[in-house]
């Protein structure tokens, strides 16, 4: 249990019950043992379940690479670079611990960082592969834009402009690329994890 691993719990915040789940998790983090409090083992297990890089190493390996293409160059641990360059001490838990009266530290969401190799034991065997993927610059195109343009296939898309996992502008750009056969439904009600029978029924009706 490290500060970095704790801050990675921000990945919960984009789900339907993410805020409530995180609040409950933190509220029950400590248990009284004699005259002191310590982290409850059940809390540690729940943190492990919530930040599942150990059981899904490919997710960690390819999280940034999947956004690369012929014109992007290498990812080079993009989240880490941007965080240091553009956000200063916003995510610097060490600075906050050194001066508790300063600005609060923020959760990091679903971004991936090379330092997680130290925090997640099952990622350590992938260290060399992760370095090769992060520095790979000659990525091919993931899909053919021409094949998607003005598709003849009926398409229905559910999107949220508050989705913390998927950039709304990029999603909307792809949907517009598909042309008039693509029907767009923008809703904030169910957020990113809102796939259910009602949503599927709506999307199927939209395609008809």
Foldseek 3Di string as FASTA:
>chain_A
DDPLLLLQLQQQVQFLCSVVVNVVLVVQQWDDDPPDIDGDVVSVVVSCVSLPCLVVVVCQLCVQLVPDAQPPFACLLVVVVCCVPPPPCQQPVVVCVVPVVDDDHHRDHNRHDLCCCVVHVNNVVCNVVSVCRRRGGRHHDPDDLVCQACDPQQEEDEEECPAPSDHPVVVVVSQVRNPPSYHYHYDPNGGPPNDDPVVVVVGVVNND
